[in-house]
């Protein structure tokens, strides 16, 4: 079984220009973190950076392969399924791991867990999710609780939100069904740190603070 990971990237981001190559304070370019994490995953046969600009090659770890994608996929209205289908047509594999530079704190263990659920447990897809136990409202009404009987937050029924940072799926799923989540998905609960997704300037500032906090803690413990 061939398992391939890829990180689609473009350099003309609208909301946060050059976010994929922007460096954390005292750190490396953003894209470095998920790529280095993917290179630690033992089950992967290859790791690709999927980008229309060869300039991205200057930032890639040496184990990561560069694959050129069409500039037509860099448009503001491009759908992620178009990118996924294009990559699957370019690179043949049984299982694909789609990760994003904007989710730098996803761990190798999380990725390995998702892969295992597909190759060993019969799931057709896996995705990172974060558990929500919060008082939610919809259409100006409470969504998951009654104001007359307010429960403890920890007693609320959990709701899970996609982090959008990690999807694992089969070749059949994307090419024949145009989906990244199948009928037998496995939800991989991740911490709020792993769930961080960077789209806006404030997201980058928060991730930068997390990175530096983690770096300080690592220095303090000598690890």
N, C-alpha and C. Protein backbone atom coordinates (compact mmCIF):
# COMPACT_ATOMS: atom_id res chain seq x y z
N UNK A 1 0.85 -1.20 0.00
CA UNK A 1 0.00 0.00 0.00
C UNK A 1 0.88 1.25 0.00
N UNK A 2 0.58 2.14 -0.90
CA UNK A 2 1.35 3.38 -1.01
C UNK A 2 0.58 4.52 -0.34
N UNK A 3 1.27 5.21 0.58
CA UNK A 3 0.67 6.31 1.32
C UNK A 3 1.52 7.56 1.11
N UNK A 4 0.89 8.60 0.63
CA UNK A 4 1.61 9.83 0.26
C UNK A 4 0.98 11.01 0.98
N UNK A 5 1.82 11.90 1.46
CA UNK A 5 1.34 13.14 2.09
C UNK A 5 1.71 14.33 1.21
N UNK A 6 0.89 15.35 1.28
CA UNK A 6 1.21 16.58 0.54
C UNK A 6 0.65 17.79 1.27
N UNK A 7 1.32 18.91 1.03
CA UNK A 7 0.91 20.19 1.60
C UNK A 7 0.71 21.16 0.44
N UNK A 8 -0.54 21.47 0.09
CA UNK A 8 -0.78 22.44 -0.98
C UNK A 8 -0.51 23.85 -0.48
N UNK A 9 0.17 24.61 -1.29
CA UNK A 9 0.52 25.97 -0.88
C UNK A 9 0.49 26.91 -2.08
N UNK A 10 0.19 28.17 -1.81
CA UNK A 10 0.36 29.20 -2.82
C UNK A 10 1.03 30.39 -2.14
N UNK A 11 1.65 31.23 -2.94
CA UNK A 11 2.39 32.36 -2.39
C UNK A 11 1.62 33.67 -2.47
N UNK A 12 0.43 33.63 -3.09
CA UNK A 12 -0.35 34.87 -3.24
C UNK A 12 -1.58 34.84 -2.33
N UNK A 13 -1.36 34.55 -1.05
CA UNK A 13 -2.48 34.50 -0.11
C UNK A 13 -3.10 35.88 0.05
N UNK A 14 -4.45 35.94 0.05
CA UNK A 14 -5.13 37.22 0.11
C UNK A 14 -5.22 37.77 1.54
N UNK A 15 -5.67 36.93 2.48
CA UNK A 15 -5.94 37.43 3.83
C UNK A 15 -4.67 37.68 4.63
N UNK A 16 -3.65 36.87 4.41
CA UNK A 16 -2.38 37.03 5.12
C UNK A 16 -1.25 36.79 4.14
N UNK A 17 -0.81 37.82 3.43
CA UNK A 17 0.22 37.65 2.39
C UNK A 17 1.47 36.95 2.91
N UNK A 18 1.98 36.03 2.08
CA UNK A 18 3.22 35.32 2.36
C UNK A 18 3.18 34.53 3.67
N UNK A 19 1.96 34.11 4.09
CA UNK A 19 1.86 33.45 5.39
C UNK A 19 2.64 32.13 5.43
N UNK A 20 2.69 31.40 4.33
CA UNK A 20 3.34 30.09 4.36
C UNK A 20 4.84 30.17 4.55
N UNK A 21 5.43 31.29 4.17
CA UNK A 21 6.88 31.46 4.33
C UNK A 21 7.24 32.45 5.43
N UNK A 22 6.25 32.98 6.12
CA UNK A 22 6.51 33.91 7.22
C UNK A 22 7.06 33.14 8.42
N UNK A 23 8.05 33.68 9.08
CA UNK A 23 8.69 32.99 10.20
C UNK A 23 8.11 33.42 11.54
N UNK A 24 8.02 32.46 12.45
CA UNK A 24 7.73 32.79 13.84
C UNK A 24 8.92 33.55 14.41
N UNK A 25 8.71 34.33 15.45
CA UNK A 25 9.80 35.04 16.12
C UNK A 25 10.79 34.01 16.66
N UNK A 26 12.03 34.11 16.20
CA UNK A 26 13.04 33.16 16.64
C UNK A 26 12.87 31.77 16.07
N UNK A 27 11.99 31.64 15.07
CA UNK A 27 11.71 30.33 14.50
C UNK A 27 11.96 30.27 13.02
N UNK A 28 11.37 29.28 12.39
CA UNK A 28 11.55 29.03 10.97
C UNK A 28 10.30 29.42 10.20
N UNK A 29 10.38 29.44 8.87
CA UNK A 29 9.19 29.72 8.07
C UNK A 29 8.05 28.76 8.43
N UNK A 30 6.84 29.25 8.39
CA UNK A 30 5.68 28.49 8.86
C UNK A 30 5.59 27.11 8.24
N UNK A 31 5.80 27.01 6.94
CA UNK A 31 5.63 25.73 6.25
C UNK A 31 6.57 24.65 6.76
N UNK A 32 7.67 25.05 7.38
CA UNK A 32 8.69 24.10 7.85
C UNK A 32 8.12 23.11 8.85
N UNK A 33 7.22 23.57 9.72
CA UNK A 33 6.81 22.76 10.86
C UNK A 33 5.98 21.54 10.45
N UNK A 34 4.98 21.72 9.62
CA UNK A 34 4.18 20.57 9.22
C UNK A 34 4.97 19.65 8.30
N UNK A 35 5.83 20.22 7.46
CA UNK A 35 6.63 19.38 6.57
C UNK A 35 7.60 18.50 7.37
N UNK A 36 8.24 19.08 8.37
CA UNK A 36 9.16 18.29 9.19
C UNK A 36 8.40 17.23 9.99
N UNK A 37 7.19 17.57 10.43
CA UNK A 37 6.37 16.59 11.14
C UNK A 37 6.01 15.43 10.22
N UNK A 38 5.60 15.72 9.01
CA UNK A 38 5.25 14.66 8.06
C UNK A 38 6.44 13.76 7.77
N UNK A 39 7.62 14.33 7.74
CA UNK A 39 8.82 13.53 7.48
C UNK A 39 9.12 12.55 8.62
N UNK A 40 8.52 12.77 9.78
CA UNK A 40 8.70 11.86 10.92
C UNK A 40 7.72 10.69 10.91
N UNK A 41 6.71 10.76 10.05
CA UNK A 41 5.67 9.73 10.03
C UNK A 41 6.18 8.52 9.27
N UNK A 42 6.32 7.40 9.96
CA UNK A 42 6.97 6.22 9.39
C UNK A 42 6.19 5.59 8.25
N UNK A 43 4.88 5.71 8.27
CA UNK A 43 4.06 5.03 7.26
C UNK A 43 4.08 5.71 5.90
N UNK A 44 4.60 6.93 5.83
CA UNK A 44 4.55 7.67 4.58
C UNK A 44 5.65 7.26 3.62
N UNK A 45 5.28 7.08 2.36
CA UNK A 45 6.27 6.75 1.33
C UNK A 45 6.91 8.01 0.76
N UNK A 46 6.15 9.10 0.70
CA UNK A 46 6.68 10.35 0.15
C UNK A 46 5.93 11.52 0.76
N UNK A 47 6.62 12.66 0.79
CA UNK A 47 6.00 13.92 1.24
C UNK A 47 6.25 14.96 0.15
N UNK A 48 5.19 15.64 -0.26
CA UNK A 48 5.27 16.62 -1.33
C UNK A 48 4.83 18.01 -0.87
N UNK A 49 5.48 19.02 -1.43
CA UNK A 49 4.97 20.39 -1.39
C UNK A 49 4.36 20.63 -2.76
N UNK A 50 3.08 21.00 -2.79
CA UNK A 50 2.33 21.14 -4.04
C UNK A 50 2.06 22.62 -4.27
N UNK A 51 2.83 23.21 -5.16
CA UNK A 51 2.81 24.67 -5.31
C UNK A 51 3.11 25.04 -6.75
N UNK A 52 2.56 26.16 -7.20
CA UNK A 52 2.77 26.60 -8.59
C UNK A 52 4.08 27.35 -8.77
N UNK A 53 4.72 27.74 -7.68
CA UNK A 53 5.95 28.54 -7.77
C UNK A 53 7.16 27.76 -7.27
N UNK A 54 8.18 27.68 -8.10
CA UNK A 54 9.40 26.98 -7.70
C UNK A 54 10.14 27.73 -6.59
N UNK A 55 9.76 28.96 -6.33
CA UNK A 55 10.40 29.72 -5.26
C UNK A 55 10.22 29.03 -3.91
N UNK A 56 9.17 28.22 -3.79
CA UNK A 56 8.92 27.53 -2.54
C UNK A 56 10.01 26.51 -2.23
N UNK A 57 10.73 26.08 -3.25
CA UNK A 57 11.77 25.07 -3.07
C UNK A 57 12.88 25.55 -2.14
N UNK A 58 13.05 26.87 -2.05
CA UNK A 58 14.09 27.43 -1.18
C UNK A 58 13.79 27.21 0.30
N UNK A 59 12.55 26.83 0.62
CA UNK A 59 12.15 26.69 2.02
C UNK A 59 11.93 25.24 2.44
N UNK A 60 12.09 24.30 1.53
CA UNK A 60 11.69 22.92 1.81
C UNK A 60 12.78 22.12 2.51
N UNK A 61 12.43 21.32 3.53
CA UNK A 61 13.38 20.34 4.09
C UNK A 61 13.82 19.40 2.97
N UNK A 62 15.03 18.87 3.08
CA UNK A 62 15.59 18.11 1.96
C UNK A 62 14.82 16.84 1.65
N UNK A 63 14.06 16.29 2.61
CA UNK A 63 13.32 15.06 2.36
C UNK A 63 12.04 15.30 1.58
N UNK A 64 11.64 16.55 1.44
CA UNK A 64 10.36 16.88 0.83
C UNK A 64 10.54 17.12 -0.67
N UNK A 65 9.67 16.50 -1.45
CA UNK A 65 9.70 16.67 -2.89
C UNK A 65 8.81 17.84 -3.31
N UNK A 66 9.24 18.51 -4.35
CA UNK A 66 8.45 19.61 -4.90
C UNK A 66 7.68 19.10 -6.12
N UNK A 67 6.40 19.44 -6.19
CA UNK A 67 5.59 19.09 -7.36
C UNK A 67 4.87 20.35 -7.82
N UNK A 68 5.04 20.68 -9.09
CA UNK A 68 4.42 21.88 -9.64
C UNK A 68 2.93 21.64 -9.86
N UNK A 69 2.13 22.58 -9.41
CA UNK A 69 0.70 22.53 -9.70
C UNK A 69 0.34 23.69 -10.61
N UNK A 70 -0.77 23.58 -11.29
CA UNK A 70 -1.20 24.61 -12.23
C UNK A 70 -1.53 25.91 -11.50
N UNK A 71 -1.16 27.02 -12.14
CA UNK A 71 -1.50 28.33 -11.57
C UNK A 71 -3.01 28.55 -11.56
N UNK A 72 -3.75 27.76 -12.33
CA UNK A 72 -5.21 27.88 -12.32
C UNK A 72 -5.79 27.50 -10.97
N UNK A 73 -5.02 26.78 -10.16
CA UNK A 73 -5.47 26.38 -8.84
C UNK A 73 -5.12 27.41 -7.77
N UNK A 74 -4.57 28.54 -8.18
CA UNK A 74 -4.21 29.60 -7.23
C UNK A 74 -5.27 30.69 -7.14
N UNK A 75 -6.38 30.49 -7.78
CA UNK A 75 -7.40 31.55 -7.82
C UNK A 75 -8.20 31.62 -6.52
N UNK A 76 -8.72 32.80 -6.18
CA UNK A 76 -9.49 32.96 -4.93
C UNK A 76 -10.70 32.03 -4.83
N UNK A 77 -11.27 31.65 -5.99
CA UNK A 77 -12.46 30.81 -5.96
C UNK A 77 -12.16 29.32 -6.17
N UNK A 78 -10.87 28.96 -6.16
CA UNK A 78 -10.51 27.55 -6.30
C UNK A 78 -10.99 26.76 -5.08
N UNK A 79 -11.64 25.64 -5.34
CA UNK A 79 -12.11 24.77 -4.25
C UNK A 79 -11.05 23.74 -3.91
N UNK A 80 -10.96 23.38 -2.63
CA UNK A 80 -9.94 22.44 -2.19
C UNK A 80 -10.08 21.09 -2.89
N UNK A 81 -11.31 20.69 -3.23
CA UNK A 81 -11.49 19.41 -3.92
C UNK A 81 -10.83 19.41 -5.29
N UNK A 82 -10.76 20.57 -5.93
CA UNK A 82 -10.06 20.68 -7.21
C UNK A 82 -8.57 20.44 -7.03
N UNK A 83 -8.02 20.98 -5.97
CA UNK A 83 -6.60 20.79 -5.68
C UNK A 83 -6.33 19.31 -5.35
N UNK A 84 -7.20 18.72 -4.55
CA UNK A 84 -7.03 17.32 -4.16
C UNK A 84 -7.11 16.38 -5.36
N UNK A 85 -8.08 16.61 -6.24
CA UNK A 85 -8.22 15.76 -7.42
C UNK A 85 -7.02 15.91 -8.35
N UNK A 86 -6.55 17.14 -8.50
CA UNK A 86 -5.38 17.38 -9.36
C UNK A 86 -4.15 16.64 -8.83
N UNK A 87 -3.94 16.71 -7.51
CA UNK A 87 -2.78 16.01 -6.95
C UNK A 87 -2.91 14.51 -7.14
N UNK A 88 -4.10 13.97 -6.93
CA UNK A 88 -4.30 12.53 -7.08
C UNK A 88 -4.08 12.07 -8.51
N UNK A 89 -4.37 12.94 -9.47
CA UNK A 89 -4.10 12.60 -10.86
C UNK A 89 -2.61 12.64 -11.17
N UNK A 90 -1.88 13.50 -10.45
CA UNK A 90 -0.43 13.64 -10.68
C UNK A 90 0.38 12.57 -9.94
N UNK A 91 -0.09 12.17 -8.77
CA UNK A 91 0.66 11.23 -7.93
C UNK A 91 -0.26 10.07 -7.54
N UNK A 92 0.11 8.87 -7.95
CA UNK A 92 -0.71 7.69 -7.66
C UNK A 92 -0.38 7.16 -6.28
N UNK A 93 -1.41 6.96 -5.47
CA UNK A 93 -1.26 6.38 -4.14
C UNK A 93 -2.58 5.73 -3.74
N UNK A 94 -2.53 4.88 -2.74
CA UNK A 94 -3.75 4.26 -2.21
C UNK A 94 -4.42 5.16 -1.19
N UNK A 95 -3.58 5.85 -0.41
CA UNK A 95 -4.08 6.73 0.65
C UNK A 95 -3.31 8.05 0.58
N UNK A 96 -4.05 9.14 0.74
CA UNK A 96 -3.45 10.47 0.73
C UNK A 96 -3.61 11.13 2.10
N UNK A 97 -2.57 11.83 2.52
CA UNK A 97 -2.60 12.64 3.73
C UNK A 97 -2.51 14.10 3.29
N UNK A 98 -3.58 14.83 3.50
CA UNK A 98 -3.61 16.26 3.17
C UNK A 98 -3.39 17.06 4.45
N UNK A 99 -2.30 17.79 4.49
CA UNK A 99 -2.00 18.64 5.65
C UNK A 99 -1.77 20.06 5.14
N UNK A 100 -1.77 21.01 6.08
CA UNK A 100 -1.63 22.41 5.69
C UNK A 100 -0.54 23.10 6.51
N UNK A 101 0.20 23.98 5.85
CA UNK A 101 1.22 24.76 6.54
C UNK A 101 0.61 25.61 7.64
N UNK A 102 -0.66 25.95 7.48
CA UNK A 102 -1.34 26.82 8.43
C UNK A 102 -1.77 26.09 9.71
N UNK A 103 -1.49 24.80 9.78
CA UNK A 103 -1.76 24.02 11.00
C UNK A 103 -0.42 23.45 11.49
N UNK A 104 0.46 24.30 12.02
CA UNK A 104 1.84 23.90 12.30
C UNK A 104 2.01 22.97 13.49
N UNK A 105 0.98 22.84 14.34
CA UNK A 105 1.16 22.09 15.58
C UNK A 105 0.55 20.68 15.54
N UNK A 106 0.03 20.26 14.39
CA UNK A 106 -0.43 18.87 14.26
C UNK A 106 0.76 17.94 14.51
N UNK A 107 0.54 16.90 15.29
CA UNK A 107 1.65 16.01 15.68
C UNK A 107 1.75 14.78 14.77
N UNK A 108 2.93 14.19 14.75
CA UNK A 108 3.13 12.95 13.99
C UNK A 108 2.24 11.84 14.55
N UNK A 109 2.05 11.82 15.86
CA UNK A 109 1.21 10.79 16.47
C UNK A 109 -0.23 10.89 15.99
N UNK A 110 -0.73 12.10 15.83
CA UNK A 110 -2.09 12.30 15.32
C UNK A 110 -2.20 11.78 13.89
N UNK A 111 -1.23 12.10 13.07
CA UNK A 111 -1.24 11.65 11.67
C UNK A 111 -1.15 10.13 11.61
N UNK A 112 -0.28 9.54 12.41
CA UNK A 112 -0.12 8.08 12.43
C UNK A 112 -1.40 7.39 12.90
N UNK A 113 -2.08 8.00 13.84
CA UNK A 113 -3.34 7.43 14.33
C UNK A 113 -4.39 7.40 13.23
N UNK A 114 -4.49 8.48 12.48
CA UNK A 114 -5.45 8.53 11.38
C UNK A 114 -5.14 7.52 10.29
N UNK A 115 -3.86 7.40 9.93
CA UNK A 115 -3.46 6.43 8.91
C UNK A 115 -3.80 5.01 9.37
N UNK A 116 -3.50 4.70 10.62
CA UNK A 116 -3.78 3.37 11.15
C UNK A 116 -5.26 3.03 11.08
N UNK A 117 -6.12 4.00 11.34
CA UNK A 117 -7.55 3.74 11.32
C UNK A 117 -8.06 3.41 9.91
N UNK A 118 -7.36 3.90 8.91
CA UNK A 118 -7.75 3.59 7.54
C UNK A 118 -7.18 2.25 7.09
N UNK A 119 -5.90 2.00 7.35
CA UNK A 119 -5.29 0.77 6.82
C UNK A 119 -5.54 -0.45 7.69
N UNK A 120 -5.89 -0.24 8.97
CA UNK A 120 -6.08 -1.37 9.87
C UNK A 120 -7.50 -1.56 10.38
N UNK A 121 -8.30 -0.51 10.37
CA UNK A 121 -9.62 -0.58 11.01
C UNK A 121 -10.80 -0.38 10.06
N UNK A 122 -10.53 -0.27 8.77
CA UNK A 122 -11.63 -0.23 7.82
C UNK A 122 -12.29 1.11 7.58
N UNK A 123 -11.74 2.17 8.13
CA UNK A 123 -12.29 3.51 7.85
C UNK A 123 -11.83 3.96 6.47
N UNK A 124 -12.66 4.74 5.79
CA UNK A 124 -12.28 5.23 4.46
C UNK A 124 -11.70 6.63 4.50
N UNK A 125 -11.70 7.24 5.68
CA UNK A 125 -11.17 8.60 5.82
C UNK A 125 -10.96 8.89 7.30
N UNK A 126 -10.16 9.92 7.56
CA UNK A 126 -9.92 10.36 8.93
C UNK A 126 -9.68 11.86 8.89
N UNK A 127 -10.06 12.54 9.96
CA UNK A 127 -9.89 13.98 9.99
C UNK A 127 -9.70 14.46 11.42
N UNK A 128 -8.94 15.53 11.57
CA UNK A 128 -8.71 16.12 12.89
C UNK A 128 -9.91 16.96 13.28
N UNK A 129 -10.34 16.79 14.53
CA UNK A 129 -11.48 17.55 15.05
C UNK A 129 -11.14 18.04 16.45
N UNK A 130 -11.83 19.09 16.87
CA UNK A 130 -11.68 19.60 18.23
C UNK A 130 -13.04 19.52 18.91
N UNK A 131 -13.05 19.06 20.15
CA UNK A 131 -14.30 18.89 20.88
C UNK A 131 -14.76 20.23 21.46
N UNK A 132 -16.03 20.52 21.26
CA UNK A 132 -16.63 21.74 21.80
C UNK A 132 -17.65 21.36 22.86
N UNK A 133 -17.50 21.91 24.04
CA UNK A 133 -18.52 21.80 25.08
C UNK A 133 -18.77 23.22 25.58
N UNK A 134 -19.50 23.95 24.78
CA UNK A 134 -19.73 25.36 25.02
C UNK A 134 -21.22 25.67 24.83
N UNK A 135 -21.65 26.79 25.35
CA UNK A 135 -23.04 27.20 25.21
C UNK A 135 -23.20 27.88 23.85
N UNK A 136 -23.83 27.16 22.93
CA UNK A 136 -23.91 27.61 21.55
C UNK A 136 -25.31 28.13 21.20
N UNK A 137 -25.33 29.11 20.30
CA UNK A 137 -26.58 29.71 19.84
C UNK A 137 -26.67 29.63 18.32
N UNK A 138 -27.91 29.49 17.83
CA UNK A 138 -28.16 29.49 16.39
C UNK A 138 -29.51 30.14 16.14
N UNK A 139 -29.57 31.02 15.14
CA UNK A 139 -30.81 31.74 14.81
C UNK A 139 -31.39 32.45 16.03
N UNK A 140 -30.50 33.04 16.81
CA UNK A 140 -30.88 33.84 17.99
C UNK A 140 -31.55 33.01 19.09
N UNK A 141 -31.26 31.68 19.09
CA UNK A 141 -31.79 30.79 20.10
C UNK A 141 -30.70 29.86 20.60
N UNK A 142 -30.80 29.43 21.86
CA UNK A 142 -29.82 28.44 22.35
C UNK A 142 -29.88 27.19 21.48
N UNK A 143 -28.73 26.68 21.13
CA UNK A 143 -28.65 25.53 20.22
C UNK A 143 -28.54 24.20 20.97
N UNK A 144 -27.81 24.20 22.08
CA UNK A 144 -27.52 22.92 22.73
C UNK A 144 -27.83 22.89 24.22
N UNK A 145 -28.66 23.82 24.70
CA UNK A 145 -29.04 23.81 26.11
C UNK A 145 -30.30 24.63 26.30
N UNK A 146 -30.93 24.47 27.46
CA UNK A 146 -32.12 25.25 27.80
C UNK A 146 -31.75 26.31 28.83
N UNK A 147 -32.07 27.59 28.59
CA UNK A 147 -31.75 28.64 29.56
C UNK A 147 -32.43 28.43 30.92
N UNK A 148 -33.50 27.65 30.94
CA UNK A 148 -34.20 27.41 32.21
C UNK A 148 -33.52 26.34 33.06
N UNK A 149 -32.66 25.54 32.42
CA UNK A 149 -31.93 24.50 33.14
C UNK A 149 -30.50 24.49 32.62
N UNK A 150 -29.73 25.45 33.05
CA UNK A 150 -28.36 25.59 32.54
C UNK A 150 -27.47 24.52 33.17
N UNK A 151 -26.92 23.62 32.35
CA UNK A 151 -26.05 22.57 32.89
C UNK A 151 -24.63 23.09 33.11
N UNK A 152 -23.83 22.29 33.77
CA UNK A 152 -22.40 22.59 33.80
C UNK A 152 -21.86 22.40 32.39
N UNK A 153 -20.89 23.22 32.01
CA UNK A 153 -20.38 23.12 30.64
C UNK A 153 -19.83 21.74 30.34
N UNK A 154 -19.22 21.09 31.34
CA UNK A 154 -18.65 19.76 31.11
C UNK A 154 -19.71 18.69 30.93
N UNK A 155 -20.98 19.02 31.23
CA UNK A 155 -22.06 18.07 31.04
C UNK A 155 -22.80 18.26 29.72
N UNK A 156 -22.44 19.29 28.98
CA UNK A 156 -23.04 19.49 27.66
C UNK A 156 -22.63 18.35 26.74
N UNK A 157 -23.53 17.97 25.85
CA UNK A 157 -23.20 16.94 24.87
C UNK A 157 -22.11 17.48 23.94
N UNK A 158 -21.01 16.75 23.78
CA UNK A 158 -19.92 17.25 22.94
C UNK A 158 -20.34 17.42 21.48
N UNK A 159 -19.84 18.47 20.87
CA UNK A 159 -19.98 18.69 19.43
C UNK A 159 -18.56 18.80 18.89
N UNK A 160 -18.34 18.22 17.73
CA UNK A 160 -16.98 18.21 17.18
C UNK A 160 -16.90 19.08 15.93
N UNK A 161 -15.86 19.92 15.89
CA UNK A 161 -15.64 20.81 14.75
C UNK A 161 -14.38 20.38 14.00
N UNK A 162 -14.45 20.38 12.68
CA UNK A 162 -13.27 20.08 11.87
C UNK A 162 -12.23 21.18 12.10
N UNK A 163 -10.99 20.79 12.27
CA UNK A 163 -9.94 21.80 12.41
C UNK A 163 -9.48 22.31 11.04
N UNK A 164 -9.73 21.55 10.00
CA UNK A 164 -9.31 21.76 8.60
C UNK A 164 -7.81 21.59 8.40
N UNK A 165 -7.10 21.14 9.45
CA UNK A 165 -5.65 21.02 9.34
C UNK A 165 -5.16 19.68 8.83
N UNK A 166 -6.02 18.65 8.88
CA UNK A 166 -5.57 17.30 8.51
C UNK A 166 -6.74 16.48 8.00
N UNK A 167 -6.56 15.91 6.81
CA UNK A 167 -7.52 14.97 6.24
C UNK A 167 -6.75 13.81 5.63
N UNK A 168 -7.25 12.61 5.85
CA UNK A 168 -6.64 11.41 5.29
C UNK A 168 -7.74 10.65 4.58
N UNK A 169 -7.50 10.23 3.35
CA UNK A 169 -8.58 9.65 2.55
C UNK A 169 -8.00 8.74 1.47
N UNK A 170 -8.86 7.89 0.92
CA UNK A 170 -8.43 6.95 -0.10
C UNK A 170 -8.49 7.57 -1.49
N UNK A 171 -7.79 6.96 -2.41
CA UNK A 171 -7.78 7.43 -3.79
C UNK A 171 -9.18 7.35 -4.39
N UNK A 172 -9.88 6.26 -4.13
CA UNK A 172 -11.23 6.11 -4.65
C UNK A 172 -12.13 7.25 -4.20
N UNK A 173 -11.97 7.64 -2.96
CA UNK A 173 -12.85 8.66 -2.38
C UNK A 173 -12.75 9.97 -3.14
N UNK A 174 -11.54 10.42 -3.44
CA UNK A 174 -11.39 11.72 -4.09
C UNK A 174 -11.65 11.65 -5.60
N UNK A 175 -11.19 10.59 -6.25
CA UNK A 175 -11.31 10.56 -7.70
C UNK A 175 -12.67 10.07 -8.19
N UNK A 176 -13.29 9.18 -7.45
CA UNK A 176 -14.57 8.63 -7.90
C UNK A 176 -15.78 9.23 -7.21
N UNK A 177 -15.56 9.83 -6.02
CA UNK A 177 -16.69 10.40 -5.30
C UNK A 177 -16.53 11.90 -5.03
N UNK A 178 -15.36 12.44 -5.38
CA UNK A 178 -15.07 13.86 -5.18
C UNK A 178 -15.28 14.28 -3.73
N UNK A 179 -14.77 13.45 -2.81
CA UNK A 179 -14.92 13.70 -1.38
C UNK A 179 -13.60 13.46 -0.67
N UNK A 180 -13.41 14.17 0.45
CA UNK A 180 -12.27 13.89 1.31
C UNK A 180 -12.73 13.23 2.61
N UNK A 181 -14.03 13.20 2.86
CA UNK A 181 -14.61 12.51 4.00
C UNK A 181 -15.63 11.52 3.47
N UNK A 182 -15.44 10.26 3.80
CA UNK A 182 -16.32 9.23 3.27
C UNK A 182 -17.48 8.90 4.19
N UNK A 183 -18.05 7.72 3.99
CA UNK A 183 -19.19 7.27 4.78
C UNK A 183 -18.75 6.59 6.07
N UNK A 184 -17.46 6.28 6.18
CA UNK A 184 -16.94 5.63 7.39
C UNK A 184 -15.74 6.42 7.93
N UNK A 185 -15.96 7.67 8.27
CA UNK A 185 -14.83 8.51 8.73
C UNK A 185 -14.45 8.21 10.17
N UNK A 186 -13.20 8.47 10.47
CA UNK A 186 -12.72 8.39 11.86
C UNK A 186 -12.36 9.80 12.30
N UNK A 187 -12.96 10.24 13.40
CA UNK A 187 -12.67 11.57 13.94
C UNK A 187 -11.50 11.47 14.91
N UNK A 188 -10.47 12.26 14.66
CA UNK A 188 -9.28 12.26 15.51
C UNK A 188 -9.34 13.49 16.42
N UNK A 189 -9.72 13.33 17.69
CA UNK A 189 -9.77 14.50 18.57
C UNK A 189 -8.35 15.03 18.82
N UNK A 190 -8.19 16.33 18.70
CA UNK A 190 -6.88 16.94 18.95
C UNK A 190 -7.05 18.06 19.97
N UNK A 191 -5.92 18.45 20.55
CA UNK A 191 -5.95 19.54 21.53
C UNK A 191 -6.21 20.87 20.83
N UNK A 192 -6.52 21.88 21.61
CA UNK A 192 -6.75 23.20 21.03
C UNK A 192 -5.49 23.76 20.38
N UNK A 193 -4.33 23.33 20.88
CA UNK A 193 -3.08 23.78 20.24
C UNK A 193 -2.93 23.13 18.87
N UNK A 194 -3.17 21.82 18.80
CA UNK A 194 -3.08 21.15 17.50
C UNK A 194 -4.15 21.68 16.53
N UNK A 195 -5.24 22.17 17.07
CA UNK A 195 -6.34 22.65 16.24
C UNK A 195 -6.09 24.04 15.66
N UNK A 196 -5.03 24.71 16.08
CA UNK A 196 -4.74 26.06 15.59
C UNK A 196 -4.66 26.07 14.06
N UNK A 197 -5.36 27.01 13.45
CA UNK A 197 -5.34 27.17 12.00
C UNK A 197 -5.13 28.66 11.69
N UNK A 198 -4.15 28.96 10.88
CA UNK A 198 -3.74 30.35 10.65
C UNK A 198 -4.28 30.86 9.33
N UNK A 199 -5.17 31.85 9.41
CA UNK A 199 -5.71 32.48 8.20
C UNK A 199 -5.59 34.00 8.24
N UNK A 200 -5.82 34.57 9.40
CA UNK A 200 -5.78 36.02 9.56
C UNK A 200 -4.52 36.44 10.33
N UNK A 201 -4.15 37.73 10.27
CA UNK A 201 -2.98 38.20 11.03
C UNK A 201 -3.05 37.85 12.51
N UNK A 202 -4.24 37.96 13.12
CA UNK A 202 -4.36 37.66 14.55
C UNK A 202 -4.09 36.18 14.81
N UNK A 203 -4.45 35.31 13.86
CA UNK A 203 -4.17 33.88 14.01
C UNK A 203 -2.67 33.63 14.06
N UNK A 204 -1.94 34.36 13.21
CA UNK A 204 -0.49 34.19 13.21
C UNK A 204 0.11 34.67 14.52
N UNK A 205 -0.39 35.78 15.04
CA UNK A 205 0.12 36.30 16.31
C UNK A 205 -0.12 35.31 17.45
N UNK A 206 -1.29 34.68 17.46
CA UNK A 206 -1.59 33.70 18.49
C UNK A 206 -0.68 32.48 18.35
N UNK A 207 -0.52 32.00 17.12
CA UNK A 207 0.35 30.84 16.89
C UNK A 207 1.79 31.16 17.26
N UNK A 208 2.22 32.38 16.95
CA UNK A 208 3.58 32.80 17.30
C UNK A 208 3.78 32.79 18.81
N UNK A 209 2.76 33.24 19.56
CA UNK A 209 2.85 33.23 21.02
C UNK A 209 2.90 31.80 21.54
N UNK A 210 2.11 30.91 20.95
CA UNK A 210 2.14 29.49 21.35
C UNK A 210 3.51 28.90 21.07
N UNK A 211 4.03 29.17 19.88
CA UNK A 211 5.34 28.64 19.51
C UNK A 211 6.41 29.07 20.50
N UNK A 212 6.42 30.35 20.84
CA UNK A 212 7.46 30.84 21.74
C UNK A 212 7.26 30.35 23.17
N UNK A 213 6.01 30.15 23.58
CA UNK A 213 5.75 29.57 24.89
C UNK A 213 6.26 28.13 24.95
N UNK A 214 6.00 27.37 23.88
CA UNK A 214 6.48 25.99 23.82
C UNK A 214 8.00 25.93 23.78
N UNK A 215 8.60 26.86 23.04
CA UNK A 215 10.07 26.90 22.95
C UNK A 215 10.68 27.23 24.29
N UNK A 216 10.07 28.17 25.04
CA UNK A 216 10.58 28.53 26.36
C UNK A 216 10.46 27.37 27.32
N UNK A 217 9.32 26.65 27.25
CA UNK A 217 9.12 25.51 28.14
C UNK A 217 10.13 24.42 27.82
N UNK A 218 10.42 24.22 26.54
CA UNK A 218 11.39 23.19 26.13
C UNK A 218 12.79 23.56 26.62
N UNK A 219 13.14 24.84 26.54
CA UNK A 219 14.45 25.30 27.02
C UNK A 219 14.57 25.13 28.52
N UNK A 220 13.48 25.43 29.22
CA UNK A 220 13.50 25.35 30.70
C UNK A 220 13.69 23.91 31.19
N UNK A 221 13.11 22.96 30.43
CA UNK A 221 13.21 21.54 30.83
C UNK A 221 14.43 20.85 30.24
N UNK A 222 15.11 21.57 29.32
CA UNK A 222 16.30 20.99 28.70
C UNK A 222 16.00 19.95 27.65
N UNK A 223 14.75 19.90 27.20
CA UNK A 223 14.39 18.90 26.19
C UNK A 223 14.48 19.47 24.79
